[in-house]
Amino acid sequence: PAGSRLPARWPRRRGTAAAGAALRLVFFARIAEQVGTREQTWPWAEPGTGEQLLRALGERFPQIEPVSRLKLAVNQQHARLDTRIVPGDEVAVFEPVTGG
């Protein structure tokens, strides 16, 4: 659910202008395998939305399409597509998890 906390094993980071004009992306599970890395610095000079980031990721990594299925967490908080993302944020990208 929106606003729920993510696992404590993630180091706590807050988005700040001091972090430069970039995001710290963290990829999980199959997404990490498909993009070939677990973490990446991503150029991000201006505030944008989760939807804009996913679109850009889909262009850079067509193997993760359709990106509409992916979920985001911004600074360890589950995020909606309209969540504002600013330079310095940490953004996790992952597939939805199902249980049963």
PDB file of N, CA and C in Angstrom:
ATOM      1  N   PRO A   1       0.817  -1.202   0.000  1.00  0.00           N
ATOM      2  CA  PRO A   1       0.000   0.000   0.000  1.00  0.00           C
ATOM      3  C   PRO A   1       0.855   1.257   0.000  1.00  0.00           C
ATOM      4  N   ALA A   2       0.304   2.322  -0.543  1.00  0.00           N
ATOM      5  CA  ALA A   2       1.034   3.588  -0.593  1.00  0.00           C
ATOM      6  C   ALA A   2       1.440   3.993   0.811  1.00  0.00           C
ATOM      7  N   GLY A   3       2.664   4.489   0.939  1.00  0.00           N
ATOM      8  CA  GLY A   3       3.163   4.976   2.219  1.00  0.00           C
ATOM      9  C   GLY A   3       3.701   3.898   3.138  1.00  0.00           C
ATOM     10  N   SER A   4       3.590   2.635   2.772  1.00  0.00           N
ATOM     11  CA  SER A   4       4.095   1.587   3.656  1.00  0.00           C
ATOM     12  C   SER A   4       5.613   1.514   3.562  1.00  0.00           C
ATOM     13  N   ARG A   5       6.206   1.089   4.657  1.00  0.00           N
ATOM     14  CA  ARG A   5       7.666   1.021   4.743  1.00  0.00           C
ATOM     15  C   ARG A   5       8.202  -0.197   4.005  1.00  0.00           C
ATOM     16  N   LEU A   6       9.400  -0.070   3.492  1.00  0.00           N
ATOM     17  CA  LEU A   6      10.086  -1.167   2.842  1.00  0.00           C
ATOM     18  C   LEU A   6      11.054  -1.802   3.827  1.00  0.00           C
ATOM     19  N   PRO A   7      11.643  -2.941   3.477  1.00  0.00           N
ATOM     20  CA  PRO A   7      12.516  -3.654   4.413  1.00  0.00           C
ATOM     21  C   PRO A   7      13.626  -2.785   4.997  1.00  0.00           C
ATOM     22  N   ALA A   8      13.928  -3.024   6.263  1.00  0.00           N
ATOM     23  CA  ALA A   8      14.934  -2.240   6.983  1.00  0.00           C
ATOM     24  C   ALA A   8      16.341  -2.463   6.449  1.00  0.00           C
ATOM     25  N   ARG A   9      16.570  -3.499   5.647  1.00  0.00           N
ATOM     26  CA  ARG A   9      17.924  -3.774   5.149  1.00  0.00           C
ATOM     27  C   ARG A   9      18.403  -2.712   4.178  1.00  0.00           C
ATOM     28  N   TRP A  10      17.507  -1.863   3.683  1.00  0.00           N
ATOM     29  CA  TRP A  10      17.921  -0.794   2.780  1.00  0.00           C
ATOM     30  C   TRP A  10      18.543   0.328   3.598  1.00  0.00           C
ATOM     31  N   PRO A  11      19.684   0.843   3.163  1.00  0.00           N
ATOM     32  CA  PRO A  11      20.244   1.992   3.875  1.00  0.00           C
ATOM     33  C   PRO A  11      19.329   3.196   3.689  1.00  0.00           C
ATOM     34  N   ARG A  12      19.147   3.948   4.725  1.00  0.00           N
ATOM     35  CA  ARG A  12      18.250   5.106   4.686  1.00  0.00           C
ATOM     36  C   ARG A  12      18.910   6.240   3.929  1.00  0.00           C
ATOM     37  N   ARG A  13      18.238   6.768   2.917  1.00  0.00           N
ATOM     38  CA  ARG A  13      18.749   7.895   2.140  1.00  0.00           C
ATOM     39  C   ARG A  13      17.616   8.848   1.860  1.00  0.00           C
ATOM     40  N   ARG A  14      17.914  10.096   1.853  1.00  0.00           N
ATOM     41  CA  ARG A  14      16.939  11.136   1.549  1.00  0.00           C
ATOM     42  C   ARG A  14      17.389  11.886   0.327  1.00  0.00           C
ATOM     43  N   GLY A  15      16.450  12.263  -0.518  1.00  0.00           N
ATOM     44  CA  GLY A  15      16.779  13.067  -1.688  1.00  0.00           C
ATOM     45  C   GLY A  15      17.205  14.463  -1.268  1.00  0.00           C
ATOM     46  N   THR A  16      18.327  14.927  -1.817  1.00  0.00           N
ATOM     47  CA  THR A  16      18.800  16.267  -1.528  1.00  0.00           C
ATOM     48  C   THR A  16      19.440  16.843  -2.771  1.00  0.00           C
ATOM     49  N   ALA A  17      19.410  18.132  -2.884  1.00  0.00           N
ATOM     50  CA  ALA A  17      20.061  18.776  -4.023  1.00  0.00           C
ATOM     51  C   ALA A  17      21.563  18.502  -4.008  1.00  0.00           C
ATOM     52  N   ALA A  18      22.133  18.309  -2.810  1.00  0.00           N
ATOM     53  CA  ALA A  18      23.568  18.061  -2.700  1.00  0.00           C
ATOM     54  C   ALA A  18      23.977  16.755  -3.384  1.00  0.00           C
ATOM     55  N   ALA A  19      23.026  15.863  -3.589  1.00  0.00           N
ATOM     56  CA  ALA A  19      23.353  14.590  -4.217  1.00  0.00           C
ATOM     57  C   ALA A  19      23.603  14.742  -5.712  1.00  0.00           C
ATOM     58  N   GLY A  20      23.427  15.937  -6.248  1.00  0.00           N
ATOM     59  CA  GLY A  20      23.676  16.161  -7.662  1.00  0.00           C
ATOM     60  C   GLY A  20      22.434  15.940  -8.493  1.00  0.00           C
ATOM     61  N   ALA A  21      22.588  16.096  -9.777  1.00  0.00           N
ATOM     62  CA  ALA A  21      21.450  15.987 -10.692  1.00  0.00           C
ATOM     63  C   ALA A  21      21.289  14.548 -11.154  1.00  0.00           C
ATOM     64  N   ALA A  22      21.077  13.658 -10.185  1.00  0.00           N
ATOM     65  CA  ALA A  22      20.950  12.243 -10.510  1.00  0.00           C
ATOM     66  C   ALA A  22      20.093  11.551  -9.458  1.00  0.00           C
ATOM     67  N   LEU A  23      19.640  10.352  -9.816  1.00  0.00           N
ATOM     68  CA  LEU A  23      18.924   9.480  -8.899  1.00  0.00           C
ATOM     69  C   LEU A  23      19.794   8.266  -8.622  1.00  0.00           C
ATOM     70  N   ARG A  24      19.578   7.643  -7.502  1.00  0.00           N
ATOM     71  CA  ARG A  24      20.184   6.336  -7.236  1.00  0.00           C
ATOM     72  C   ARG A  24      19.088   5.311  -7.471  1.00  0.00           C
ATOM     73  N   LEU A  25      19.217   4.523  -8.527  1.00  0.00           N
ATOM     74  CA  LEU A  25      18.241   3.490  -8.834  1.00  0.00           C
ATOM     75  C   LEU A  25      18.696   2.171  -8.239  1.00  0.00           C
ATOM     76  N   VAL A  26      17.746   1.444  -7.668  1.00  0.00           N
ATOM     77  CA  VAL A  26      18.003   0.124  -7.109  1.00  0.00           C
ATOM     78  C   VAL A  26      17.020  -0.826  -7.785  1.00  0.00           C
ATOM     79  N   PHE A  27      17.551  -1.857  -8.439  1.00  0.00           N
ATOM     80  CA  PHE A  27      16.727  -2.820  -9.162  1.00  0.00           C
ATOM     81  C   PHE A  27      16.679  -4.127  -8.380  1.00  0.00           C
ATOM     82  N   PHE A  28      15.522  -4.794  -8.421  1.00  0.00           N
ATOM     83  CA  PHE A  28      15.342  -6.033  -7.672  1.00  0.00           C
ATOM     84  C   PHE A  28      14.965  -7.186  -8.580  1.00  0.00           C
ATOM     85  N   ALA A  29      15.356  -8.388  -8.144  1.00  0.00           N
ATOM     86  CA  ALA A  29      14.960  -9.659  -8.747  1.00  0.00           C
ATOM     87  C   ALA A  29      15.177  -9.676 -10.256  1.00  0.00           C
ATOM     88  N   ARG A  30      14.143 -10.050 -10.988  1.00  0.00           N
ATOM     89  CA  ARG A  30      14.267 -10.213 -12.436  1.00  0.00           C
ATOM     90  C   ARG A  30      14.606  -8.906 -13.139  1.00  0.00           C
ATOM     91  N   ILE A  31      14.159  -7.787 -12.598  1.00  0.00           N
ATOM     92  CA  ILE A  31      14.473  -6.502 -13.215  1.00  0.00           C
ATOM     93  C   ILE A  31      15.980  -6.270 -13.159  1.00  0.00           C
ATOM     94  N   ALA A  32      16.609  -6.573 -12.038  1.00  0.00           N
ATOM     95  CA  ALA A  32      18.066  -6.438 -11.920  1.00  0.00           C
ATOM     96  C   ALA A  32      18.770  -7.332 -12.934  1.00  0.00           C
ATOM     97  N   GLU A  33      18.263  -8.542 -13.108  1.00  0.00           N
ATOM     98  CA  GLU A  33      18.855  -9.452 -14.097  1.00  0.00           C
ATOM     99  C   GLU A  33      18.712  -8.888 -15.506  1.00  0.00           C
ATOM    100  N   GLN A  34      17.560  -8.336 -15.812  1.00  0.00           N
ATOM    101  CA  GLN A  34      17.304  -7.835 -17.163  1.00  0.00           C
ATOM    102  C   GLN A  34      18.127  -6.593 -17.500  1.00  0.00           C
ATOM    103  N   VAL A  35      18.355  -5.719 -16.508  1.00  0.00           N
ATOM    104  CA  VAL A  35      19.143  -4.509 -16.788  1.00  0.00           C
ATOM    105  C   VAL A  35      20.632  -4.735 -16.550  1.00  0.00           C
ATOM    106  N   GLY A  36      20.989  -5.854 -15.914  1.00  0.00           N
ATOM    107  CA  GLY A  36      22.389  -6.207 -15.731  1.00  0.00           C
ATOM    108  C   GLY A  36      23.089  -5.564 -14.557  1.00  0.00           C
ATOM    109  N   THR A  37      22.320  -5.013 -13.622  1.00  0.00           N
ATOM    110  CA  THR A  37      22.926  -4.400 -12.436  1.00  0.00           C
ATOM    111  C   THR A  37      21.885  -4.294 -11.333  1.00  0.00           C
ATOM    112  N   ARG A  38      22.352  -4.189 -10.092  1.00  0.00           N
ATOM    113  CA  ARG A  38      21.432  -3.987  -8.961  1.00  0.00           C
ATOM    114  C   ARG A  38      21.277  -2.512  -8.638  1.00  0.00           C
ATOM    115  N   GLU A  39      22.274  -1.711  -8.964  1.00  0.00           N
ATOM    116  CA  GLU A  39      22.212  -0.276  -8.678  1.00  0.00           C
ATOM    117  C   GLU A  39      22.775   0.504  -9.847  1.00  0.00           C
ATOM    118  N   GLN A  40      22.264   1.715 -10.004  1.00  0.00           N
ATOM    119  CA  GLN A  40      22.747   2.569 -11.084  1.00  0.00           C
ATOM    120  C   GLN A  40      22.456   4.023 -10.732  1.00  0.00           C
ATOM    121  N   THR A  41      23.372   4.884 -11.111  1.00  0.00           N
ATOM    122  CA  THR A  41      23.125   6.324 -11.020  1.00  0.00           C
ATOM    123  C   THR A  41      22.466   6.739 -12.326  1.00  0.00           C
ATOM    124  N   TRP A  42      21.362   7.466 -12.223  1.00  0.00           N
ATOM    125  CA  TRP A  42      20.565   7.836 -13.391  1.00  0.00           C
ATOM    126  C   TRP A  42      20.478   9.363 -13.455  1.00  0.00           C
ATOM    127  N   PRO A  43      20.885   9.978 -14.565  1.00  0.00           N
ATOM    128  CA  PRO A  43      20.790  11.437 -14.687  1.00  0.00           C
ATOM    129  C   PRO A  43      19.345  11.907 -14.490  1.00  0.00           C
ATOM    130  N   TRP A  44      19.158  12.921 -13.655  1.00  0.00           N
ATOM    131  CA  TRP A  44      17.803  13.419 -13.349  1.00  0.00           C
ATOM    132  C   TRP A  44      17.953  14.854 -12.864  1.00  0.00           C
ATOM    133  N   ALA A  45      17.971  15.784 -13.800  1.00  0.00           N
ATOM    134  CA  ALA A  45      18.294  17.175 -13.478  1.00  0.00           C
ATOM    135  C   ALA A  45      17.127  17.962 -12.890  1.00  0.00           C
ATOM    136  N   GLU A  46      15.903  17.599 -13.230  1.00  0.00           N
ATOM    137  CA  GLU A  46      14.718  18.357 -12.802  1.00  0.00           C
ATOM    138  C   GLU A  46      13.731  17.420 -12.112  1.00  0.00           C
ATOM    139  N   PRO A  47      12.881  17.957 -11.245  1.00  0.00           N
ATOM    140  CA  PRO A  47      11.830  17.114 -10.666  1.00  0.00           C
ATOM    141  C   PRO A  47      10.959  16.511 -11.768  1.00  0.00           C
ATOM    142  N   GLY A  48      10.516  15.305 -11.545  1.00  0.00           N
ATOM    143  CA  GLY A  48       9.637  14.619 -12.480  1.00  0.00           C
ATOM    144  C   GLY A  48       8.744  13.662 -11.708  1.00  0.00           C
ATOM    145  N   THR A  49       8.108  12.748 -12.408  1.00  0.00           N
ATOM    146  CA  THR A  49       7.203  11.794 -11.765  1.00  0.00           C
ATOM    147  C   THR A  49       7.698  10.367 -11.966  1.00  0.00           C
ATOM    148  N   GLY A  50       7.112   9.467 -11.190  1.00  0.00           N
ATOM    149  CA  GLY A  50       7.410   8.053 -11.355  1.00  0.00           C
ATOM    150  C   GLY A  50       7.067   7.569 -12.752  1.00  0.00           C
ATOM    151  N   GLU A  51       5.988   8.068 -13.304  1.00  0.00           N
ATOM    152  CA  GLU A  51       5.593   7.677 -14.655  1.00  0.00           C
ATOM    153  C   GLU A  51       6.655   8.098 -15.676  1.00  0.00           C
ATOM    154  N   GLN A  52       7.188   9.307 -15.528  1.00  0.00           N
ATOM    155  CA  GLN A  52       8.238   9.770 -16.443  1.00  0.00           C
ATOM    156  C   GLN A  52       9.490   8.901 -16.324  1.00  0.00           C
ATOM    157  N   LEU A  53       9.847   8.537 -15.104  1.00  0.00           N
ATOM    158  CA  LEU A  53      11.022   7.701 -14.903  1.00  0.00           C
ATOM    159  C   LEU A  53      10.816   6.323 -15.537  1.00  0.00           C
ATOM    160  N   LEU A  54       9.670   5.712 -15.314  1.00  0.00           N
ATOM    161  CA  LEU A  54       9.418   4.395 -15.897  1.00  0.00           C
ATOM    162  C   LEU A  54       9.444   4.445 -17.423  1.00  0.00           C
ATOM    163  N   ARG A  55       8.897   5.494 -17.993  1.00  0.00           N
ATOM    164  CA  ARG A  55       8.937   5.635 -19.455  1.00  0.00           C
ATOM    165  C   ARG A  55      10.378   5.697 -19.948  1.00  0.00           C
ATOM    166  N   ALA A  56      11.203   6.491 -19.250  1.00  0.00           N
ATOM    167  CA  ALA A  56      12.614   6.626 -19.628  1.00  0.00           C
ATOM    168  C   ALA A  56      13.353   5.291 -19.461  1.00  0.00           C
ATOM    169  N   LEU A  57      13.046   4.567 -18.392  1.00  0.00           N
ATOM    170  CA  LEU A  57      13.684   3.261 -18.184  1.00  0.00           C
ATOM    171  C   LEU A  57      13.291   2.284 -19.286  1.00  0.00           C
ATOM    172  N   GLY A  58      12.033   2.322 -19.710  1.00  0.00           N
ATOM    173  CA  GLY A  58      11.579   1.453 -20.789  1.00  0.00           C
ATOM    174  C   GLY A  58      12.273   1.760 -22.105  1.00  0.00           C
ATOM    175  N   GLU A  59      12.562   3.036 -22.345  1.00  0.00           N
ATOM    176  CA  GLU A  59      13.291   3.412 -23.561  1.00  0.00           C
ATOM    177  C   GLU A  59      14.738   2.928 -23.502  1.00  0.00           C
ATOM    178  N   ARG A  60      15.353   3.054 -22.341  1.00  0.00           N
ATOM    179  CA  ARG A  60      16.756   2.656 -22.181  1.00  0.00           C
ATOM    180  C   ARG A  60      16.912   1.138 -22.115  1.00  0.00           C
ATOM    181  N   PHE A  61      15.940   0.474 -21.478  1.00  0.00           N
ATOM    182  CA  PHE A  61      15.988  -0.976 -21.280  1.00  0.00           C
ATOM    183  C   PHE A  61      14.705  -1.605 -21.835  1.00  0.00           C
ATOM    184  N   PRO A  62      14.588  -1.743 -23.150  1.00  0.00           N
ATOM    185  CA  PRO A  62      13.346  -2.286 -23.717  1.00  0.00           C
ATOM    186  C   PRO A  62      13.013  -3.689 -23.214  1.00  0.00           C
ATOM    187  N   GLN A  63      13.992  -4.414 -22.708  1.00  0.00           N
ATOM    188  CA  GLN A  63      13.754  -5.763 -22.203  1.00  0.00           C
ATOM    189  C   GLN A  63      12.880  -5.782 -20.947  1.00  0.00           C
ATOM    190  N   ILE A  64      12.685  -4.637 -20.284  1.00  0.00           N
ATOM    191  CA  ILE A  64      11.828  -4.617 -19.088  1.00  0.00           C
ATOM    192  C   ILE A  64      10.387  -4.225 -19.407  1.00  0.00           C
ATOM    193  N   GLU A  65      10.099  -3.951 -20.673  1.00  0.00           N
ATOM    194  CA  GLU A  65       8.730  -3.620 -21.071  1.00  0.00           C
ATOM    195  C   GLU A  65       7.809  -4.820 -20.836  1.00  0.00           C
ATOM    196  N   PRO A  66       6.545  -4.594 -20.544  1.00  0.00           N
ATOM    197  CA  PRO A  66       5.893  -3.309 -20.351  1.00  0.00           C
ATOM    198  C   PRO A  66       6.185  -2.749 -18.958  1.00  0.00           C
ATOM    199  N   VAL A  67       6.617  -1.510 -18.908  1.00  0.00           N
ATOM    200  CA  VAL A  67       6.955  -0.890 -17.629  1.00  0.00           C
ATOM    201  C   VAL A  67       5.719  -0.565 -16.797  1.00  0.00           C
ATOM    202  N   SER A  68       4.550  -0.600 -17.413  1.00  0.00           N
ATOM    203  CA  SER A  68       3.314  -0.294 -16.681  1.00  0.00           C
ATOM    204  C   SER A  68       3.066  -1.285 -15.539  1.00  0.00           C
ATOM    205  N   ARG A  69       3.681  -2.456 -15.580  1.00  0.00           N
ATOM    206  CA  ARG A  69       3.507  -3.457 -14.529  1.00  0.00           C
ATOM    207  C   ARG A  69       4.434  -3.210 -13.346  1.00  0.00           C
ATOM    208  N   LEU A  70       5.457  -2.385 -13.524  1.00  0.00           N
ATOM    209  CA  LEU A  70       6.481  -2.207 -12.488  1.00  0.00           C
ATOM    210  C   LEU A  70       6.003  -1.304 -11.364  1.00  0.00           C
ATOM    211  N   LYS A  71       6.597  -1.514 -10.215  1.00  0.00           N
ATOM    212  CA  LYS A  71       6.309  -0.717  -9.021  1.00  0.00           C
ATOM    213  C   LYS A  71       7.560   0.067  -8.650  1.00  0.00           C
ATOM    214  N   LEU A  72       7.338   1.169  -7.928  1.00  0.00           N
ATOM    215  CA  LEU A  72       8.431   2.029  -7.478  1.00  0.00           C
ATOM    216  C   LEU A  72       8.332   2.264  -5.979  1.00  0.00           C
ATOM    217  N   ALA A  73       9.485   2.513  -5.393  1.00  0.00           N
ATOM    218  CA  ALA A  73       9.557   3.035  -4.029  1.00  0.00           C
ATOM    219  C   ALA A  73      10.541   4.195  -4.074  1.00  0.00           C
ATOM    220  N   VAL A  74      10.148   5.323  -3.522  1.00  0.00           N
ATOM    221  CA  VAL A  74      11.000   6.509  -3.504  1.00  0.00           C
ATOM    222  C   VAL A  74      11.411   6.759  -2.061  1.00  0.00           C
ATOM    223  N   ASN A  75      12.714   6.749  -1.836  1.00  0.00           N
ATOM    224  CA  ASN A  75      13.260   6.926  -0.486  1.00  0.00           C
ATOM    225  C   ASN A  75      12.597   5.967   0.508  1.00  0.00           C
ATOM    226  N   GLN A  76      12.465   4.707   0.075  1.00  0.00           N
ATOM    227  CA  GLN A  76      11.973   3.604   0.898  1.00  0.00           C
ATOM    228  C   GLN A  76      10.490   3.671   1.209  1.00  0.00           C
ATOM    229  N   GLN A  77       9.748   4.438   0.438  1.00  0.00           N
ATOM    230  CA  GLN A  77       8.293   4.502   0.588  1.00  0.00           C
ATOM    231  C   GLN A  77       7.659   4.072  -0.726  1.00  0.00           C
ATOM    232  N   HIS A  78       6.720   3.127  -0.665  1.00  0.00           N
ATOM    233  CA  HIS A  78       6.018   2.748  -1.887  1.00  0.00           C
ATOM    234  C   HIS A  78       5.444   4.002  -2.522  1.00  0.00           C
ATOM    235  N   ALA A  79       5.540   4.087  -3.845  1.00  0.00           N
ATOM    236  CA  ALA A  79       5.177   5.319  -4.538  1.00  0.00           C
ATOM    237  C   ALA A  79       4.212   5.043  -5.683  1.00  0.00           C
ATOM    238  N   ARG A  80       3.333   5.998  -5.922  1.00  0.00           N
ATOM    239  CA  ARG A  80       2.428   5.943  -7.064  1.00  0.00           C
ATOM    240  C   ARG A  80       3.114   6.565  -8.264  1.00  0.00           C
ATOM    241  N   LEU A  81       2.526   6.383  -9.432  1.00  0.00           N
ATOM    242  CA  LEU A  81       3.125   6.917 -10.657  1.00  0.00           C
ATOM    243  C   LEU A  81       3.192   8.434 -10.666  1.00  0.00           C
ATOM    244  N   ASP A  82       2.318   9.092  -9.921  1.00  0.00           N
ATOM    245  CA  ASP A  82       2.337  10.556  -9.897  1.00  0.00           C
ATOM    246  C   ASP A  82       3.218  11.122  -8.782  1.00  0.00           C
ATOM    247  N   THR A  83       3.933  10.256  -8.066  1.00  0.00           N
ATOM    248  CA  THR A  83       4.844  10.705  -7.010  1.00  0.00           C
ATOM    249  C   THR A  83       5.950  11.562  -7.614  1.00  0.00           C
ATOM    250  N   ARG A  84       6.245  12.669  -6.965  1.00  0.00           N
ATOM    251  CA  ARG A  84       7.317  13.569  -7.411  1.00  0.00           C
ATOM    252  C   ARG A  84       8.665  12.955  -7.067  1.00  0.00           C
ATOM    253  N   ILE A  85       9.551  12.933  -8.046  1.00  0.00           N
ATOM    254  CA  ILE A  85      10.910  12.423  -7.869  1.00  0.00           C
ATOM    255  C   ILE A  85      11.867  13.567  -8.165  1.00  0.00           C
ATOM    256  N   VAL A  86      12.772  13.829  -7.229  1.00  0.00           N
ATOM    257  CA  VAL A  86      13.708  14.947  -7.374  1.00  0.00           C
ATOM    258  C   VAL A  86      15.143  14.431  -7.381  1.00  0.00           C
ATOM    259  N   PRO A  87      16.064  15.208  -7.963  1.00  0.00           N
ATOM    260  CA  PRO A  87      17.470  14.798  -7.934  1.00  0.00           C
ATOM    261  C   PRO A  87      17.905  14.457  -6.506  1.00  0.00           C
ATOM    262  N   GLY A  88      18.654  13.372  -6.386  1.00  0.00           N
ATOM    263  CA  GLY A  88      19.125  12.924  -5.079  1.00  0.00           C
ATOM    264  C   GLY A  88      18.276  11.829  -4.463  1.00  0.00           C
ATOM    265  N   ASP A  89      17.082  11.588  -5.013  1.00  0.00           N
ATOM    266  CA  ASP A  89      16.230  10.527  -4.472  1.00  0.00           C
ATOM    267  C   ASP A  89      16.805   9.150  -4.780  1.00  0.00           C
ATOM    268  N   GLU A  90      16.454   8.208  -3.924  1.00  0.00           N
ATOM    269  CA  GLU A  90      16.728   6.802  -4.177  1.00  0.00           C
ATOM    270  C   GLU A  90      15.414   6.185  -4.645  1.00  0.00           C
ATOM    271  N   VAL A  91      15.454   5.515  -5.794  1.00  0.00           N
ATOM    272  CA  VAL A  91      14.241   4.926  -6.358  1.00  0.00           C
ATOM    273  C   VAL A  91      14.471   3.436  -6.582  1.00  0.00           C
ATOM    274  N   ALA A  92      13.641   2.625  -5.950  1.00  0.00           N
ATOM    275  CA  ALA A  92      13.683   1.177  -6.165  1.00  0.00           C
ATOM    276  C   ALA A  92      12.678   0.827  -7.250  1.00  0.00           C
ATOM    277  N   VAL A  93      13.074  -0.081  -8.121  1.00  0.00           N
ATOM    278  CA  VAL A  93      12.231  -0.536  -9.230  1.00  0.00           C
ATOM    279  C   VAL A  93      12.068  -2.043  -9.086  1.00  0.00           C
ATOM    280  N   PHE A  94      10.813  -2.507  -9.046  1.00  0.00           N
ATOM    281  CA  PHE A  94      10.573  -3.923  -8.815  1.00  0.00           C
ATOM    282  C   PHE A  94       9.238  -4.340  -9.407  1.00  0.00           C
ATOM    283  N   GLU A  95       9.078  -5.650  -9.566  1.00  0.00           N
ATOM    284  CA  GLU A  95       7.814  -6.191 -10.043  1.00  0.00           C
ATOM    285  C   GLU A  95       6.882  -6.411  -8.847  1.00  0.00           C
ATOM    286  N   PRO A  96       5.587  -6.391  -9.088  1.00  0.00           N
ATOM    287  CA  PRO A  96       4.660  -6.660  -7.972  1.00  0.00           C
ATOM    288  C   PRO A  96       4.897  -8.059  -7.434  1.00  0.00           C
ATOM    289  N   VAL A  97       4.708  -8.219  -6.153  1.00  0.00           N
ATOM    290  CA  VAL A  97       4.900  -9.501  -5.506  1.00  0.00           C
ATOM    291  C   VAL A  97       3.526 -10.066  -5.163  1.00  0.00           C
ATOM    292  N   THR A  98       3.332 -11.324  -5.465  1.00  0.00           N
ATOM    293  CA  THR A  98       2.073 -11.962  -5.115  1.00  0.00           C
ATOM    294  C   THR A  98       2.347 -13.060  -4.106  1.00  0.00           C
ATOM    295  N   GLY A  99       1.385 -13.316  -3.298  1.00  0.00           N
ATOM    296  CA  GLY A  99       1.514 -14.377  -2.306  1.00  0.00           C
ATOM    297  C   GLY A  99       0.401 -15.394  -2.502  1.00  0.00           C
ATOM    298  N   GLY A 100       0.469 -16.420  -1.725  1.00  0.00           N
ATOM    299  CA  GLY A 100      -0.629 -17.363  -1.862  1.00  0.00           C
ATOM    300  C   GLY A 100      -0.301 -18.715  -1.364  1.00  0.00           C
TER     301      GLY A 100
END
